[in-house]
PDB file of N, CA and C in Angstrom:
ATOM      1  N   MET A   1       1.211  -1.365   0.047  1.00  0.00           N
ATOM      2  CA  MET A   1       0.211  -0.029  -0.251  1.00  0.00           C
ATOM      3  C   MET A   1       0.825   1.184   0.180  1.00  0.00           C
ATOM      4  N   GLU A   2       0.478   2.312  -0.519  1.00  0.00           N
ATOM      5  CA  GLU A   2       1.297   3.535  -0.752  1.00  0.00           C
ATOM      6  C   GLU A   2       0.943   4.285   0.377  1.00  0.00           C
ATOM      7  N   LEU A   3       2.325   5.082   0.499  1.00  0.00           N
ATOM      8  CA  LEU A   3       2.484   5.977   1.764  1.00  0.00           C
ATOM      9  C   LEU A   3       1.071   7.082   2.038  1.00  0.00           C
ATOM     10  N   VAL A   4       0.733   7.712   0.924  1.00  0.00           N
ATOM     11  CA  VAL A   4      -0.944   8.733   1.201  1.00  0.00           C
ATOM     12  C   VAL A   4      -1.525   7.874  -0.038  1.00  0.00           C
ATOM     13  N   GLU A   5      -2.606   7.676   0.560  1.00  0.00           N
ATOM     14  CA  GLU A   5      -3.692   7.008  -0.179  1.00  0.00           C
ATOM     15  C   GLU A   5      -4.953   7.463  -0.289  1.00  0.00           C
ATOM     16  N   SER A   6      -4.972   8.102  -1.765  1.00  0.00           N
ATOM     17  CA  SER A   6      -5.765   9.080  -2.116  1.00  0.00           C
ATOM     18  C   SER A   6      -7.354   8.768  -1.913  1.00  0.00           C
ATOM     19  N   HIS A   7      -7.575   7.203  -1.548  1.00  0.00           N
ATOM     20  CA  HIS A   7      -9.095   6.975  -1.681  1.00  0.00           C
ATOM     21  C   HIS A   7      -9.312   5.739  -0.753  1.00  0.00           C
ATOM     22  N   TRP A   8     -10.209   6.246   0.582  1.00  0.00           N
ATOM     23  CA  TRP A   8     -10.246   5.493   1.406  1.00  0.00           C
ATOM     24  C   TRP A   8     -11.773   5.079   1.591  1.00  0.00           C
ATOM     25  N   ASP A   9     -12.231   4.913   2.805  1.00  0.00           N
ATOM     26  CA  ASP A   9     -13.675   4.974   3.154  1.00  0.00           C
ATOM     27  C   ASP A   9     -13.857   4.546   4.483  1.00  0.00           C
ATOM     28  N   VAL A  10     -15.037   4.736   4.707  1.00  0.00           N
ATOM     29  CA  VAL A  10     -15.566   4.289   6.507  1.00  0.00           C
ATOM     30  C   VAL A  10     -15.384   3.029   6.763  1.00  0.00           C
ATOM     31  N   GLU A  11     -15.940   2.173   5.453  1.00  0.00           N
ATOM     32  CA  GLU A  11     -15.684   0.940   5.888  1.00  0.00           C
ATOM     33  C   GLU A  11     -14.053  -0.146   5.998  1.00  0.00           C
ATOM     34  N   SER A  12     -13.523   0.675   5.054  1.00  0.00           N
ATOM     35  CA  SER A  12     -12.002   0.206   5.090  1.00  0.00           C
ATOM     36  C   SER A  12     -11.000   1.114   6.056  1.00  0.00           C
ATOM     37  N   LEU A  13     -11.260   2.075   6.999  1.00  0.00           N
ATOM     38  CA  LEU A  13     -11.211   2.401   8.359  1.00  0.00           C
ATOM     39  C   LEU A  13     -11.418   1.297   9.260  1.00  0.00           C
ATOM     40  N   GLU A  14     -12.972   1.048   9.618  1.00  0.00           N
ATOM     41  CA  GLU A  14     -13.311   0.208  10.075  1.00  0.00           C
ATOM     42  C   GLU A  14     -12.760  -1.215  10.180  1.00  0.00           C
ATOM     43  N   LYS A  15     -12.501  -1.682   9.073  1.00  0.00           N
ATOM     44  CA  LYS A  15     -11.736  -2.693   8.725  1.00  0.00           C
ATOM     45  C   LYS A  15     -10.349  -2.689   9.590  1.00  0.00           C
ATOM     46  N   ALA A  16      -9.994  -1.857   9.053  1.00  0.00           N
ATOM     47  CA  ALA A  16      -8.285  -1.143   9.682  1.00  0.00           C
ATOM     48  C   ALA A  16      -8.448  -1.282  11.568  1.00  0.00           C
ATOM     49  N   TYR A  17      -9.796  -0.692  11.979  1.00  0.00           N
ATOM     50  CA  TYR A  17      -9.646  -0.347  13.303  1.00  0.00           C
ATOM     51  C   TYR A  17      -9.617  -1.986  14.060  1.00  0.00           C
ATOM     52  N   ARG A  18     -11.148  -2.678  13.406  1.00  0.00           N
ATOM     53  CA  ARG A  18     -10.814  -3.673  14.077  1.00  0.00           C
ATOM     54  C   ARG A  18      -9.762  -4.871  13.809  1.00  0.00           C
ATOM     55  N   HIS A  19      -9.374  -5.058  12.720  1.00  0.00           N
ATOM     56  CA  HIS A  19      -7.655  -5.670  12.678  1.00  0.00           C
ATOM     57  C   HIS A  19      -6.824  -5.358  13.910  1.00  0.00           C
ATOM     58  N   GLY A  20      -6.734  -4.076  13.936  1.00  0.00           N
ATOM     59  CA  GLY A  20      -5.936  -3.319  14.763  1.00  0.00           C
ATOM     60  C   GLY A  20      -6.136  -3.729  16.284  1.00  0.00           C
ATOM     61  N   PHE A  21      -7.410  -3.954  16.657  1.00  0.00           N
ATOM     62  CA  PHE A  21      -8.184  -4.295  17.934  1.00  0.00           C
ATOM     63  C   PHE A  21      -7.885  -5.349  18.191  1.00  0.00           C
ATOM     64  N   MET A  22      -8.141  -6.182  17.172  1.00  0.00           N
ATOM     65  CA  MET A  22      -7.369  -7.870  17.313  1.00  0.00           C
ATOM     66  C   MET A  22      -6.075  -8.088  17.681  1.00  0.00           C
ATOM     67  N   ALA A  23      -5.311  -7.500  17.261  1.00  0.00           N
ATOM     68  CA  ALA A  23      -3.922  -7.550  17.309  1.00  0.00           C
ATOM     69  C   ALA A  23      -3.360  -7.005  18.335  1.00  0.00           C
ATOM     70  N   GLY A  24      -4.227  -6.004  19.284  1.00  0.00           N
ATOM     71  CA  GLY A  24      -4.095  -5.468  20.373  1.00  0.00           C
ATOM     72  C   GLY A  24      -4.424  -6.314  21.618  1.00  0.00           C
ATOM     73  N   MET A  25      -5.408  -7.396  21.090  1.00  0.00           N
ATOM     74  CA  MET A  25      -6.175  -8.050  21.973  1.00  0.00           C
ATOM     75  C   MET A  25      -5.268  -9.302  22.316  1.00  0.00           C
ATOM     76  N   ILE A  26      -4.855  -9.966  21.385  1.00  0.00           N
ATOM     77  CA  ILE A  26      -3.858 -10.725  21.545  1.00  0.00           C
ATOM     78  C   ILE A  26      -2.205 -10.841  21.852  1.00  0.00           C
ATOM     79  N   GLY A  27      -2.041  -9.335  21.875  1.00  0.00           N
ATOM     80  CA  GLY A  27      -0.395  -8.900  21.993  1.00  0.00           C
ATOM     81  C   GLY A  27       0.459  -8.205  21.669  1.00  0.00           C
ATOM     82  N   LYS A  28      -0.282  -8.354  20.197  1.00  0.00           N
ATOM     83  CA  LYS A  28       1.145  -8.163  19.121  1.00  0.00           C
ATOM     84  C   LYS A  28       1.156  -6.842  19.508  1.00  0.00           C
ATOM     85  N   LEU A  29       2.252  -6.355  18.961  1.00  0.00           N
ATOM     86  CA  LEU A  29       3.250  -5.087  19.002  1.00  0.00           C
ATOM     87  C   LEU A  29       2.731  -3.820  18.409  1.00  0.00           C
ATOM     88  N   SER A  30       2.714  -2.919  18.495  1.00  0.00           N
ATOM     89  CA  SER A  30       1.915  -1.814  17.898  1.00  0.00           C
ATOM     90  C   SER A  30       2.642  -1.669  16.120  1.00  0.00           C
ATOM     91  N   THR A  31       4.059  -2.252  16.477  1.00  0.00           N
ATOM     92  CA  THR A  31       4.793  -2.458  14.757  1.00  0.00           C
ATOM     93  C   THR A  31       4.287  -3.016  14.201  1.00  0.00           C
ATOM     94  N   ASP A  32       3.705  -3.981  14.928  1.00  0.00           N
ATOM     95  CA  ASP A  32       3.202  -4.983  13.588  1.00  0.00           C
ATOM     96  C   ASP A  32       1.888  -4.367  12.800  1.00  0.00           C
ATOM     97  N   CYS A  33       2.041  -3.433  12.425  1.00  0.00           N
ATOM     98  CA  CYS A  33       0.752  -2.894  11.753  1.00  0.00           C
ATOM     99  C   CYS A  33       1.109  -3.013  10.409  1.00  0.00           C
ATOM    100  N   PRO A  34       0.216  -3.297   9.902  1.00  0.00           N
ATOM    101  CA  PRO A  34       0.810  -3.989   8.366  1.00  0.00           C
ATOM    102  C   PRO A  34       0.264  -2.654   7.387  1.00  0.00           C
ATOM    103  N   PHE A  35      -0.725  -1.907   7.629  1.00  0.00           N
ATOM    104  CA  PHE A  35      -0.808  -0.837   6.546  1.00  0.00           C
ATOM    105  C   PHE A  35       0.533   0.216   6.599  1.00  0.00           C
ATOM    106  N   LYS A  36       0.382   1.064   5.729  1.00  0.00           N
ATOM    107  CA  LYS A  36       1.600   2.445   5.105  1.00  0.00           C
ATOM    108  C   LYS A  36       0.783   3.372   5.086  1.00  0.00           C
ATOM    109  N   ALA A  37      -0.465   3.198   4.234  1.00  0.00           N
ATOM    110  CA  ALA A  37      -0.957   4.252   4.338  1.00  0.00           C
ATOM    111  C   ALA A  37      -1.568   5.348   5.555  1.00  0.00           C
ATOM    112  N   GLU A  38      -1.098   6.666   5.677  1.00  0.00           N
ATOM    113  CA  GLU A  38      -1.499   7.276   7.263  1.00  0.00           C
ATOM    114  C   GLU A  38      -2.867   7.041   7.954  1.00  0.00           C
ATOM    115  N   VAL A  39      -3.372   7.420   6.956  1.00  0.00           N
ATOM    116  CA  VAL A  39      -5.167   7.522   7.519  1.00  0.00           C
ATOM    117  C   VAL A  39      -5.426   5.987   7.953  1.00  0.00           C
ATOM    118  N   ILE A  40      -5.273   5.235   7.041  1.00  0.00           N
ATOM    119  CA  ILE A  40      -5.596   3.643   7.641  1.00  0.00           C
ATOM    120  C   ILE A  40      -4.779   2.993   8.579  1.00  0.00           C
ATOM    121  N   ALA A  41      -3.600   3.498   8.781  1.00  0.00           N
ATOM    122  CA  ALA A  41      -2.603   2.920   9.982  1.00  0.00           C
ATOM    123  C   ALA A  41      -2.804   3.691  10.946  1.00  0.00           C
ATOM    124  N   ASN A  42      -3.426   5.061  10.904  1.00  0.00           N
ATOM    125  CA  ASN A  42      -4.321   5.482  11.845  1.00  0.00           C
ATOM    126  C   ASN A  42      -5.544   4.777  12.763  1.00  0.00           C
ATOM    127  N   ALA A  43      -5.804   4.418  11.878  1.00  0.00           N
ATOM    128  CA  ALA A  43      -7.474   3.474  11.739  1.00  0.00           C
ATOM    129  C   ALA A  43      -6.656   2.121  12.971  1.00  0.00           C
ATOM    130  N   TRP A  44      -5.650   1.522  12.422  1.00  0.00           N
ATOM    131  CA  TRP A  44      -5.286   0.441  12.582  1.00  0.00           C
ATOM    132  C   TRP A  44      -4.683   0.518  14.260  1.00  0.00           C
ATOM    133  N   GLU A  45      -4.089   1.490  14.243  1.00  0.00           N
ATOM    134  CA  GLU A  45      -3.466   1.996  16.102  1.00  0.00           C
ATOM    135  C   GLU A  45      -4.219   2.364  16.759  1.00  0.00           C
ATOM    136  N   ALA A  46      -5.360   3.445  16.329  1.00  0.00           N
ATOM    137  CA  ALA A  46      -6.469   3.136  17.760  1.00  0.00           C
ATOM    138  C   ALA A  46      -6.839   1.889  17.894  1.00  0.00           C
ATOM    139  N   GLY A  47      -7.271   1.068  16.899  1.00  0.00           N
ATOM    140  CA  GLY A  47      -8.176   0.007  17.327  1.00  0.00           C
ATOM    141  C   GLY A  47      -6.998  -1.028  18.440  1.00  0.00           C
ATOM    142  N   TRP A  48      -5.423  -0.803  17.662  1.00  0.00           N
ATOM    143  CA  TRP A  48      -4.413  -1.180  18.675  1.00  0.00           C
ATOM    144  C   TRP A  48      -4.794  -1.129  20.017  1.00  0.00           C
ATOM    145  N   GLN A  49      -4.755   0.298  20.292  1.00  0.00           N
ATOM    146  CA  GLN A  49      -4.774   0.992  21.470  1.00  0.00           C
ATOM    147  C   GLN A  49      -5.771   0.622  22.133  1.00  0.00           C
ATOM    148  N   ASP A  50      -6.820   0.208  21.654  1.00  0.00           N
ATOM    149  CA  ASP A  50      -7.938  -0.096  22.449  1.00  0.00           C
ATOM    150  C   ASP A  50      -8.019  -1.424  22.556  1.00  0.00           C
ATOM    151  N   GLY A  51      -7.478  -2.382  21.884  1.00  0.00           N
ATOM    152  CA  GLY A  51      -7.357  -3.587  21.948  1.00  0.00           C
ATOM    153  C   GLY A  51      -6.569  -4.210  23.380  1.00  0.00           C
ATOM    154  N   LYS A  52      -5.365  -3.486  22.985  1.00  0.00           N
ATOM    155  CA  LYS A  52      -3.936  -3.773  23.942  1.00  0.00           C
ATOM    156  C   LYS A  52      -4.566  -3.069  25.676  1.00  0.00           C
ATOM    157  N   GLU A  53      -5.199  -2.197  25.360  1.00  0.00           N
ATOM    158  CA  GLU A  53      -6.069  -1.912  27.028  1.00  0.00           C
ATOM    159  C   GLU A  53      -6.845  -3.368  27.219  1.00  0.00           C
ATOM    160  N   GLN A  54      -7.523  -3.848  26.265  1.00  0.00           N
ATOM    161  CA  GLN A  54      -8.461  -5.057  27.145  1.00  0.00           C
ATOM    162  C   GLN A  54      -7.684  -5.905  27.109  1.00  0.00           C
ATOM    163  N   PHE A  55      -6.500  -6.136  26.762  1.00  0.00           N
ATOM    164  CA  PHE A  55      -5.625  -7.000  26.653  1.00  0.00           C
ATOM    165  C   PHE A  55      -5.047  -7.234  28.006  1.00  0.00           C
ATOM    166  N   ASP A  56      -4.791  -5.951  28.453  1.00  0.00           N
ATOM    167  CA  ASP A  56      -3.691  -5.466  29.612  1.00  0.00           C
ATOM    168  C   ASP A  56      -4.465  -5.516  30.749  1.00  0.00           C
ATOM    169  N   ILE A  57      -6.144  -4.886  30.865  1.00  0.00           N
ATOM    170  CA  ILE A  57      -7.155  -5.538  31.576  1.00  0.00           C
ATOM    171  C   ILE A  57      -7.251  -7.301  32.400  1.00  0.00           C
ATOM    172  N   LYS A  58      -6.947  -7.934  31.130  1.00  0.00           N
ATOM    173  CA  LYS A  58      -7.409  -9.540  30.723  1.00  0.00           C
ATOM    174  C   LYS A  58      -6.099  -9.458  31.660  1.00  0.00           C
ATOM    175  N   GLN A  59      -4.777  -9.694  31.664  1.00  0.00           N
ATOM    176  CA  GLN A  59      -4.032  -9.986  31.966  1.00  0.00           C
ATOM    177  C   GLN A  59      -3.666  -9.679  33.580  1.00  0.00           C
ATOM    178  N   ALA A  60      -4.270  -8.815  33.881  1.00  0.00           N
ATOM    179  CA  ALA A  60      -3.725  -7.872  35.084  1.00  0.00           C
ATOM    180  C   ALA A  60      -5.273  -8.904  36.075  1.00  0.00           C
ATOM    181  N   LYS A  61      -5.932  -9.056  35.381  1.00  0.00           N
ATOM    182  CA  LYS A  61      -6.834  -9.718  35.861  1.00  0.00           C
ATOM    183  C   LYS A  61      -6.536 -11.102  36.172  1.00  0.00           C
ATOM    184  N   GLN A  62      -6.075 -11.756  35.246  1.00  0.00           N
ATOM    185  CA  GLN A  62      -5.477 -13.063  35.373  1.00  0.00           C
ATOM    186  C   GLN A  62      -4.728 -13.370  36.739  1.00  0.00           C
ATOM    187  N   LEU A  63      -3.719 -12.390  36.308  1.00  0.00           N
ATOM    188  CA  LEU A  63      -2.726 -12.467  37.983  1.00  0.00           C
ATOM    189  C   LEU A  63      -3.138 -11.882  38.922  1.00  0.00           C
ATOM    190  N   LYS A  64      -4.016 -11.273  39.019  1.00  0.00           N
ATOM    191  CA  LYS A  64      -5.178 -11.037  40.268  1.00  0.00           C
ATOM    192  C   LYS A  64      -5.423 -12.575  40.783  1.00  0.00           C
ATOM    193  N   GLU A  65      -6.228 -13.324  39.777  1.00  0.00           N
ATOM    194  CA  GLU A  65      -6.850 -14.321  40.452  1.00  0.00           C
ATOM    195  C   GLU A  65      -5.747 -15.660  40.876  1.00  0.00           C
ATOM    196  N   THR A  66      -4.488 -15.452  40.508  1.00  0.00           N
ATOM    197  CA  THR A  66      -3.434 -16.455  40.752  1.00  0.00           C
ATOM    198  C   THR A  66      -2.863 -16.022  41.814  1.00  0.00           C
ATOM    199  N   LEU A  67      -2.605 -15.220  42.427  1.00  0.00           N
ATOM    200  CA  LEU A  67      -2.183 -14.395  43.551  1.00  0.00           C
ATOM    201  C   LEU A  67      -3.213 -14.989  45.161  1.00  0.00           C
TER     202      LEU A  67
END
């Protein structure tokens, strides 16, 4: 994908967000973003941040349960 994407739509942004969310939920690194186009990459990163937050909450809960 090119660095500056001249055409994107809401559906592609939502898809990138969902993929980022799932990546964050399974503990992938933010550097694993597969997109180069800035707008789409930003959507993926926003999803990743939300997913990573949920991943961290789940990890903390599991750790608390084992103590």
